[in-house]
Amino acid sequence: MERNLKNVLVISFGFLLLFTAYGGLQNLQSSLHSEEGLGVASLSVLYAALILSSMFLPPILIKKLGCKWTITGSMCCYIAFSLGNFYASWYTLIPTSVILGLGGAPLWSAKCTYLTIAGNSYAEKAEKNGKDIINQYFGVFFLIFQSSGIWGNLISSLIFSQASTKASGVLAALLIAIFLDEIKSDQAETEKEILETPSFWSTFLATFQHLKDKRQCLLIPLTMYSGFEQGFLSGDYTKTYVTCALGIHYVGYVMICFSAVNSLCSLLFGKISQFTGRKLLFALATVTNTTCIIALLLWKPHPKQLAVFFIFPALWGLSDAIWQTQTNGLYGILFEKHKEAAFANYRLWESFGFVIAFGYSTKLQVYIKLYILLSVLVLSMVTYGAVEYLEAKSSPGTPTATKKENVEPPTQESSM
């Protein structure tokens, strides 16, 4: 347990360092590089490359390099983006944005795959339920990772030197390369992989082949909603409500509130999911988000209502903690035998949600965006309910929350 927890903490703090750096840069892109729309163009190219990367790269890199070196290499892509910002021009930012986008999907897929394998490995040895350990690991990860929003927004607010950003990204890559243990296969699994090595094209198309699984298709709305809701808070709530009523200098503090609540709730929900089950937590997130959306439709912000401006991001942070920990955990539990392709799909569809949300951000009025958000949320819960129904149907008489989804050894590496 100590060794597993050490590896979870190494990944978590590596992501904390990396995204404290990247978050600060991302928030400043449109302000630092406003000439000819360079900052906005770089972010658009970045997300386009991220979508393309999600389609093909994660299964290939994870199979060839393993999780540890995929994470390390992908972090170097983020460092390249930081370097591009030192000498910002169309010839430096656009290429490095492409590089970052290509590294983004393998980074997240490898992280999720590593935590899932680690959770199953420990659960098997300790004779515990795999899904409970996986949820706890994701809870610890998001506790630490989401706090990067606090430090990133402080950097954005205080506009520290970009040199600190470069150093933070380098430290993240070094932390993973030096201290993260590789996940090694046992002899039986090694022999099996030698006999059943998948072809390049089979691995290359694994992300699309995974869509043959009906459950993956049903989870697409829920995964896209994650991008929609994060995009709304960071893009529309801050601009339409906070900036208009309080001023732009309050945006950083509002997002710090969101990140702090999100971070603490991630650990809480990762822990209590073994007692409540995921369905109750998803219901809590749905009710909380729905209440916030309806309240935002009715609310007329006024500078004297200062506390209210922080209540919404706090409740949003509570909901997002559930969406992140439980949806990641759900992917690891349902698709344990096809982790790489499953998490590549997760990053692909969440990125689509972000792109759509940012795409219509300047085109539609805020009340229409809220109705769209509510509609996607309702659809997400309907299709998620169908997934739970299929899971219950596949194991008659066994409650979904206590199924032995992860009793079988992982199909890839089985020990750390």
Protein backbone atom coordinates (compact mmCIF):
# COMPACT_ATOMS: atom_id res chain seq x y z
CA MET A 1 0.00 0.00 0.00
CA GLU A 2 2.81 2.42 0.88
CA ARG A 3 4.55 1.83 -2.44
CA ASN A 4 1.30 2.24 -4.40
CA LEU A 5 0.43 5.41 -2.50
CA LYS A 6 3.92 6.78 -3.14
CA ASN A 7 3.42 6.34 -6.88
CA VAL A 8 -0.02 7.96 -6.76
CA LEU A 9 1.50 10.94 -4.94
CA VAL A 10 4.39 11.19 -7.41
CA ILE A 11 1.96 11.38 -10.34
CA SER A 12 -0.29 13.81 -8.48
CA PHE A 13 2.48 16.24 -7.55
CA GLY A 14 3.97 15.93 -11.03
CA PHE A 15 0.66 17.05 -12.52
CA LEU A 16 0.39 19.77 -9.85
CA LEU A 17 3.73 21.26 -10.88
CA LEU A 18 3.02 20.90 -14.59
CA PHE A 19 -0.45 22.43 -14.57
CA THR A 20 0.43 25.19 -12.15
CA ALA A 21 2.80 26.25 -14.91
CA TYR A 22 0.51 25.53 -17.84
CA GLY A 23 -2.64 26.90 -16.18
CA GLY A 24 -0.96 30.24 -15.57
CA LEU A 25 0.19 30.41 -19.20
CA GLN A 26 -3.17 29.38 -20.61
CA ASN A 27 -5.03 32.01 -18.61
CA LEU A 28 -2.68 34.70 -19.91
CA GLN A 29 -2.60 33.69 -23.59
CA SER A 30 -5.29 36.07 -24.85
CA SER A 31 -3.87 38.94 -22.77
CA LEU A 32 -0.14 38.39 -23.35
CA HIS A 33 -0.46 37.72 -27.09
CA SER A 34 -3.42 39.78 -28.19
CA GLU A 35 -1.82 41.16 -31.37
CA GLU A 36 -3.53 39.70 -34.45
CA GLY A 37 -5.29 37.20 -32.18
CA LEU A 38 -2.15 35.10 -31.68
CA GLY A 39 -3.11 33.95 -28.16
CA VAL A 40 -6.61 32.80 -29.14
CA ALA A 41 -5.26 31.16 -32.31
CA SER A 42 -2.69 29.20 -30.31
CA LEU A 43 -5.38 27.84 -27.97
CA SER A 44 -7.59 26.88 -30.94
CA VAL A 45 -4.71 25.01 -32.58
CA LEU A 46 -3.87 23.37 -29.26
CA TYR A 47 -7.37 21.90 -28.79
CA ALA A 48 -7.54 20.80 -32.44
CA ALA A 49 -4.26 18.91 -32.00
CA LEU A 50 -5.54 17.47 -28.72
CA ILE A 51 -8.60 16.02 -30.45
CA LEU A 52 -6.44 14.53 -33.22
CA SER A 53 -4.04 13.12 -30.64
CA SER A 54 -6.92 11.51 -28.71
CA MET A 55 -7.97 9.59 -31.79
CA PHE A 56 -4.71 7.76 -32.39
CA LEU A 57 -1.70 8.34 -30.13
CA PRO A 58 -2.50 7.13 -26.56
CA PRO A 59 -2.85 3.37 -27.22
CA ILE A 60 0.26 3.33 -29.41
CA LEU A 61 2.54 5.23 -27.01
CA ILE A 62 1.33 3.43 -23.88
CA LYS A 63 1.83 0.04 -25.53
CA LYS A 64 5.33 0.93 -26.79
CA LEU A 65 6.70 3.11 -23.99
CA GLY A 66 4.65 2.15 -20.95
CA CYS A 67 2.78 4.58 -18.71
CA LYS A 68 5.81 6.10 -16.95
CA TRP A 69 7.71 7.17 -20.05
CA THR A 70 4.56 8.21 -21.89
CA ILE A 71 3.81 10.61 -19.01
CA THR A 72 7.41 11.88 -18.95
CA GLY A 73 7.58 12.42 -22.71
CA SER A 74 4.19 14.11 -22.80
CA MET A 75 5.24 16.51 -20.05
CA CYS A 76 8.16 17.55 -22.27
CA CYS A 77 5.55 18.65 -24.84
CA TYR A 78 4.15 21.06 -22.25
CA ILE A 79 7.65 22.37 -21.55
CA ALA A 80 8.06 23.06 -25.28
CA PHE A 81 4.92 25.23 -25.14
CA SER A 82 6.39 27.15 -22.19
CA LEU A 83 9.57 27.77 -24.19
CA GLY A 84 7.49 28.98 -27.13
CA ASN A 85 6.00 31.64 -24.89
CA PHE A 86 9.42 33.12 -24.14
CA TYR A 87 9.78 34.24 -27.76
CA ALA A 88 6.14 34.45 -28.73
CA SER A 89 5.44 34.71 -32.45
CA TRP A 90 3.42 32.84 -35.05
CA TYR A 91 6.53 30.76 -35.77
CA THR A 92 7.02 29.65 -32.15
CA LEU A 93 3.57 29.53 -30.52
CA ILE A 94 1.64 27.71 -33.23
CA PRO A 95 4.13 24.81 -33.63
CA THR A 96 4.54 24.43 -29.86
CA SER A 97 0.75 24.52 -29.45
CA VAL A 98 0.54 21.59 -31.87
CA ILE A 99 3.24 19.77 -29.89
CA LEU A 100 1.39 20.35 -26.60
CA GLY A 101 -1.90 19.19 -28.11
CA LEU A 102 -0.31 16.00 -29.41
CA GLY A 103 1.16 15.29 -25.96
CA GLY A 104 -1.98 16.12 -24.00
CA ALA A 105 -4.05 13.01 -24.77
CA PRO A 106 -1.25 10.47 -24.11
CA LEU A 107 -0.43 12.28 -20.85
CA TRP A 108 -3.94 11.97 -19.44
CA SER A 109 -4.59 8.50 -20.83
CA ALA A 110 -1.33 7.17 -19.37
CA LYS A 111 -2.11 8.74 -16.00
CA CYS A 112 -5.58 7.18 -15.88
CA THR A 113 -4.24 3.81 -17.05
CA TYR A 114 -1.49 3.85 -14.41
CA LEU A 115 -3.89 4.67 -11.56
CA THR A 116 -6.33 1.98 -12.72
CA ILE A 117 -3.65 -0.72 -12.93
CA ALA A 118 -2.20 0.36 -9.58
CA GLY A 119 -5.65 0.26 -7.95
CA ASN A 120 -6.45 -3.19 -9.33
CA SER A 121 -3.00 -4.48 -8.41
CA TYR A 122 -3.30 -3.42 -4.78
CA ALA A 123 -6.93 -4.56 -4.53
CA GLU A 124 -6.01 -8.02 -5.77
CA LYS A 125 -3.17 -8.41 -3.28
CA ALA A 126 -5.18 -6.99 -0.36
CA GLU A 127 -8.36 -8.88 -1.38
CA LYS A 128 -10.34 -5.65 -1.61
CA ASN A 129 -12.82 -4.34 -4.17
CA GLY A 130 -10.96 -2.91 -7.15
CA LYS A 131 -13.41 -0.11 -7.87
CA ASP A 132 -13.15 1.24 -4.31
CA ILE A 133 -9.36 1.48 -4.49
CA ILE A 134 -9.48 3.04 -7.96
CA ASN A 135 -11.94 5.70 -6.76
CA GLN A 136 -9.71 6.45 -3.77
CA TYR A 137 -6.65 6.82 -6.00
CA PHE A 138 -8.50 9.19 -8.34
CA GLY A 139 -9.73 11.09 -5.29
CA VAL A 140 -6.18 11.60 -4.02
CA PHE A 141 -5.02 12.59 -7.50
CA PHE A 142 -7.71 15.21 -8.01
CA LEU A 143 -7.25 16.54 -4.46
CA ILE A 144 -3.68 17.46 -5.33
CA PHE A 145 -4.13 18.22 -9.04
CA GLN A 146 -7.12 20.56 -8.65
CA SER A 147 -5.11 22.69 -6.23
CA SER A 148 -3.03 23.67 -9.27
CA GLY A 149 -5.96 25.98 -10.07
CA ILE A 150 -5.22 27.88 -6.86
CA TRP A 151 -1.54 28.41 -7.65
CA GLY A 152 -2.15 28.91 -11.37
CA ASN A 153 -4.69 31.64 -10.72
CA LEU A 154 -2.37 33.30 -8.22
CA ILE A 155 0.31 33.34 -10.91
CA SER A 156 -2.20 34.77 -13.38
CA SER A 157 -3.32 37.41 -10.91
CA LEU A 158 0.17 38.44 -9.82
CA ILE A 159 1.72 37.88 -13.28
CA PHE A 160 4.90 36.27 -12.07
CA SER A 161 7.89 35.92 -14.37
CA GLN A 162 7.48 33.21 -16.99
CA ALA A 163 10.85 31.82 -15.91
CA SER A 164 9.14 30.24 -12.91
CA THR A 165 6.73 28.56 -15.30
CA LYS A 166 9.55 26.94 -17.25
CA ALA A 167 11.22 25.64 -14.07
CA SER A 168 7.93 24.20 -12.74
CA GLY A 169 7.36 22.14 -15.91
CA VAL A 170 10.92 20.79 -15.90
CA LEU A 171 10.60 19.76 -12.24
CA ALA A 172 7.37 17.88 -13.07
CA ALA A 173 9.07 15.81 -15.80
CA LEU A 174 12.09 15.09 -13.56
CA LEU A 175 9.85 14.03 -10.66
CA ILE A 176 8.09 11.44 -12.83
CA ALA A 177 11.28 10.20 -14.53
CA ILE A 178 13.19 9.72 -11.27
CA PHE A 179 10.64 8.70 -8.66
CA LEU A 180 7.74 6.96 -10.45
CA ASP A 181 8.00 3.17 -10.52
CA GLU A 182 7.35 1.38 -13.78
CA ILE A 183 4.49 -1.08 -13.84
CA LYS A 184 6.00 -4.44 -14.72
CA SER A 185 4.25 -7.46 -16.17
CA ASP A 186 4.56 -10.84 -14.51
CA GLN A 187 5.95 -13.79 -16.47
CA ALA A 188 2.57 -15.14 -17.53
CA GLU A 189 1.40 -11.80 -18.87
CA THR A 190 4.72 -11.28 -20.68
CA GLU A 191 4.38 -14.64 -22.45
CA LYS A 192 0.79 -13.86 -23.33
CA GLU A 193 1.73 -10.51 -24.86
CA ILE A 194 4.51 -12.15 -26.91
CA LEU A 195 2.02 -14.63 -28.34
CA GLU A 196 -0.74 -12.07 -28.86
CA THR A 197 1.08 -8.90 -29.91
CA PRO A 198 -1.48 -6.64 -31.63
CA SER A 199 -0.69 -5.26 -35.06
CA PHE A 200 0.25 -1.61 -35.48
CA TRP A 201 -2.99 -0.81 -37.28
CA SER A 202 -5.03 -2.58 -34.62
CA THR A 203 -3.39 -0.40 -31.94
CA PHE A 204 -3.59 2.69 -34.16
CA LEU A 205 -7.35 2.33 -34.56
CA ALA A 206 -8.01 1.10 -31.00
CA THR A 207 -9.71 4.36 -29.99
CA PHE A 208 -12.30 4.00 -32.75
CA GLN A 209 -12.68 0.26 -32.33
CA HIS A 210 -13.60 0.87 -28.71
CA LEU A 211 -16.73 2.69 -29.92
CA LYS A 212 -18.13 -0.74 -30.82
CA ASP A 213 -18.80 -1.09 -27.09
CA LYS A 214 -22.34 0.16 -26.52
CA ARG A 215 -21.44 1.40 -23.04
CA GLN A 216 -18.70 3.66 -24.44
CA CYS A 217 -21.16 5.24 -26.87
CA LEU A 218 -23.67 5.80 -24.07
CA LEU A 219 -20.99 7.53 -21.97
CA ILE A 220 -20.17 10.09 -24.69
CA PRO A 221 -22.76 12.70 -23.50
CA LEU A 222 -21.54 12.43 -19.89
CA THR A 223 -17.92 12.79 -20.99
CA MET A 224 -18.70 15.77 -23.23
CA TYR A 225 -20.67 17.37 -20.39
CA SER A 226 -17.45 17.47 -18.38
CA GLY A 227 -15.99 19.74 -21.05
CA PHE A 228 -19.18 21.80 -21.34
CA GLU A 229 -19.48 22.54 -17.62
CA GLN A 230 -15.80 23.39 -17.13
CA GLY A 231 -15.85 25.58 -20.23
CA PHE A 232 -18.93 27.45 -18.99
CA LEU A 233 -17.48 28.25 -15.58
CA SER A 234 -14.05 29.35 -16.79
CA GLY A 235 -15.29 31.15 -19.90
CA ASP A 236 -18.87 32.39 -19.41
CA TYR A 237 -19.44 32.66 -15.67
CA THR A 238 -16.25 34.62 -15.10
CA LYS A 239 -16.88 36.98 -18.03
CA THR A 240 -20.67 37.45 -17.89
CA TYR A 241 -21.24 37.50 -14.14
CA VAL A 242 -17.99 38.24 -12.31
CA THR A 243 -16.23 40.64 -14.67
CA CYS A 244 -19.36 42.63 -15.52
CA ALA A 245 -20.48 43.11 -11.91
CA LEU A 246 -17.26 43.08 -9.87
CA GLY A 247 -14.43 43.66 -12.32
CA ILE A 248 -11.79 41.44 -13.89
CA HIS A 249 -9.56 41.56 -10.79
CA TYR A 250 -12.05 39.28 -8.98
CA VAL A 251 -11.88 36.49 -11.57
CA GLY A 252 -8.74 34.93 -10.08
CA TYR A 253 -10.22 34.83 -6.57
CA VAL A 254 -13.47 33.27 -7.81
CA MET A 255 -11.55 30.53 -9.64
CA ILE A 256 -9.39 29.94 -6.57
CA CYS A 257 -12.61 29.28 -4.62
CA PHE A 258 -13.69 26.79 -7.29
CA SER A 259 -10.33 25.00 -7.25
CA ALA A 260 -10.12 24.83 -3.44
CA VAL A 261 -13.59 23.29 -3.04
CA ASN A 262 -12.98 20.98 -5.99
CA SER A 263 -9.70 19.79 -4.51
CA LEU A 264 -11.11 18.98 -1.06
CA CYS A 265 -14.29 17.36 -2.42
CA SER A 266 -12.27 15.16 -4.78
CA LEU A 267 -10.61 13.45 -1.83
CA LEU A 268 -13.91 13.26 0.10
CA PHE A 269 -15.92 11.69 -2.71
CA GLY A 270 -13.11 9.35 -3.67
CA LYS A 271 -13.21 8.03 -0.10
CA ILE A 272 -16.97 7.84 0.53
CA SER A 273 -17.87 6.33 -2.86
CA GLN A 274 -17.24 2.86 -1.41
CA PHE A 275 -20.09 3.50 1.05
CA THR A 276 -22.51 5.50 -1.10
CA GLY A 277 -21.92 3.95 -4.51
CA ARG A 278 -21.36 6.02 -7.64
CA LYS A 279 -25.05 6.39 -8.54
CA LEU A 280 -25.83 8.45 -5.43
CA LEU A 281 -22.85 10.71 -6.06
CA PHE A 282 -23.83 11.26 -9.70
CA ALA A 283 -27.32 12.14 -8.48
CA LEU A 284 -25.86 14.69 -6.03
CA ALA A 285 -23.78 16.30 -8.79
CA THR A 286 -26.81 16.42 -11.10
CA VAL A 287 -29.04 18.09 -8.50
CA THR A 288 -26.32 20.57 -7.54
CA ASN A 289 -25.52 21.55 -11.14
CA THR A 290 -29.19 21.76 -12.09
CA THR A 291 -29.91 24.02 -9.12
CA CYS A 292 -26.99 26.28 -10.04
CA ILE A 293 -28.08 26.52 -13.69
CA ILE A 294 -31.66 27.44 -12.78
CA ALA A 295 -30.43 29.96 -10.20
CA LEU A 296 -28.11 31.57 -12.75
CA LEU A 297 -31.02 31.90 -15.17
CA LEU A 298 -32.99 33.81 -12.51
CA TRP A 299 -30.19 35.75 -10.80
CA LYS A 300 -29.43 39.38 -11.57
CA PRO A 301 -25.92 39.95 -10.21
CA HIS A 302 -25.19 43.04 -8.14
CA PRO A 303 -21.86 44.12 -6.61
CA LYS A 304 -23.39 44.18 -3.13
CA GLN A 305 -24.08 40.41 -3.34
CA LEU A 306 -20.39 39.58 -3.05
CA ALA A 307 -20.86 36.23 -1.26
CA VAL A 308 -23.16 34.92 -3.99
CA PHE A 309 -20.41 35.30 -6.59
CA PHE A 310 -18.37 32.77 -4.59
CA ILE A 311 -21.24 30.41 -3.74
CA PHE A 312 -21.75 29.43 -7.37
CA PRO A 313 -18.12 28.39 -8.06
CA ALA A 314 -18.03 26.58 -4.70
CA LEU A 315 -21.09 24.50 -5.64
CA TRP A 316 -19.70 24.06 -9.14
CA GLY A 317 -16.46 22.80 -7.63
CA LEU A 318 -18.39 20.25 -5.56
CA SER A 319 -20.15 18.96 -8.68
CA ASP A 320 -17.01 18.94 -10.80
CA ALA A 321 -15.20 16.89 -8.16
CA ILE A 322 -17.82 14.18 -8.66
CA TRP A 323 -17.77 14.42 -12.45
CA GLN A 324 -13.97 14.07 -12.50
CA THR A 325 -13.36 11.38 -9.86
CA GLN A 326 -16.39 9.21 -10.59
CA THR A 327 -16.32 9.42 -14.39
CA ASN A 328 -12.60 8.60 -14.51
CA GLY A 329 -13.19 5.79 -12.04
CA LEU A 330 -16.17 4.53 -14.04
CA TYR A 331 -14.06 4.28 -17.20
CA GLY A 332 -11.39 2.34 -15.33
CA ILE A 333 -13.97 -0.05 -13.87
CA LEU A 334 -16.10 -0.69 -16.97
CA PHE A 335 -13.25 -0.95 -19.46
CA GLU A 336 -10.52 -2.54 -17.36
CA LYS A 337 -9.40 -4.77 -20.25
CA HIS A 338 -9.16 -1.87 -22.73
CA LYS A 339 -7.93 0.94 -20.51
CA GLU A 340 -5.76 2.78 -23.05
CA ALA A 341 -8.48 3.02 -25.72
CA ALA A 342 -11.14 3.86 -23.13
CA PHE A 343 -9.23 6.77 -21.60
CA ALA A 344 -8.29 7.99 -25.08
CA ASN A 345 -12.02 8.18 -25.79
CA TYR A 346 -12.53 10.02 -22.51
CA ARG A 347 -10.01 12.69 -23.48
CA LEU A 348 -11.38 12.84 -27.04
CA TRP A 349 -15.01 13.49 -26.08
CA GLU A 350 -14.19 15.80 -23.19
CA SER A 351 -12.05 17.85 -25.58
CA PHE A 352 -14.96 18.01 -28.01
CA GLY A 353 -17.07 19.38 -25.17
CA PHE A 354 -14.47 22.08 -24.49
CA VAL A 355 -14.16 22.99 -28.16
CA ILE A 356 -17.93 23.30 -28.64
CA ALA A 357 -18.32 25.33 -25.44
CA PHE A 358 -15.51 27.71 -26.41
CA GLY A 359 -16.73 27.77 -30.01
CA TYR A 360 -20.18 29.17 -29.25
CA SER A 361 -18.94 31.25 -26.30
CA THR A 362 -18.88 34.50 -28.29
CA LYS A 363 -21.86 33.65 -30.50
CA LEU A 364 -24.72 32.97 -28.09
CA GLN A 365 -26.30 34.83 -25.19
CA VAL A 366 -25.63 33.41 -21.74
CA TYR A 367 -29.18 32.19 -21.09
CA ILE A 368 -29.06 30.06 -24.27
CA LYS A 369 -25.74 28.56 -23.10
CA LEU A 370 -27.36 27.69 -19.78
CA TYR A 371 -30.25 25.94 -21.53
CA ILE A 372 -27.76 24.00 -23.67
CA LEU A 373 -25.82 23.04 -20.54
CA LEU A 374 -28.98 21.84 -18.82
CA SER A 375 -30.06 19.84 -21.88
CA VAL A 376 -26.68 18.10 -22.14
CA LEU A 377 -26.81 17.32 -18.42
CA VAL A 378 -30.26 15.72 -18.71
CA LEU A 379 -29.16 13.68 -21.74
CA SER A 380 -26.00 12.64 -19.87
CA MET A 381 -27.98 11.25 -16.96
CA VAL A 382 -30.36 9.36 -19.24
CA THR A 383 -27.52 7.67 -21.11
CA TYR A 384 -25.57 7.08 -17.89
CA GLY A 385 -28.66 5.42 -16.43
CA ALA A 386 -28.72 3.15 -19.48
CA VAL A 387 -25.11 2.14 -18.77
CA GLU A 388 -25.99 1.24 -15.18
CA TYR A 389 -28.98 -0.75 -16.45
CA LEU A 390 -26.79 -2.69 -18.87
CA GLU A 391 -24.27 -3.39 -16.11
CA ALA A 392 -26.97 -4.63 -13.73
CA LYS A 393 -28.51 -6.73 -16.51
CA SER A 394 -25.16 -8.35 -17.32
CA SER A 395 -24.87 -9.61 -13.73
CA PRO A 396 -28.37 -10.64 -12.58
CA GLY A 397 -28.84 -10.55 -8.84
CA THR A 398 -25.59 -8.66 -8.21
CA PRO A 399 -25.85 -4.95 -7.32
CA THR A 400 -23.74 -2.81 -9.64
CA ALA A 401 -22.04 -1.06 -6.73
CA THR A 402 -20.63 -4.32 -5.38
CA LYS A 403 -19.85 -6.13 -8.60
CA LYS A 404 -16.49 -7.87 -8.89
CA GLU A 405 -15.50 -5.99 -12.00
CA ASN A 406 -11.84 -6.00 -11.12
CA VAL A 407 -11.22 -9.36 -9.48
CA GLU A 408 -9.51 -10.63 -12.64
CA PRO A 409 -5.86 -9.64 -12.98
CA PRO A 410 -5.24 -6.73 -15.33
CA THR A 411 -4.64 -7.73 -18.94
CA GLN A 412 -1.42 -5.73 -19.01
CA GLU A 413 1.03 -5.05 -16.22
CA SER A 414 -0.06 -6.62 -12.95
CA SER A 415 2.40 -5.37 -10.34
CA MET A 416 4.30 -2.24 -9.52
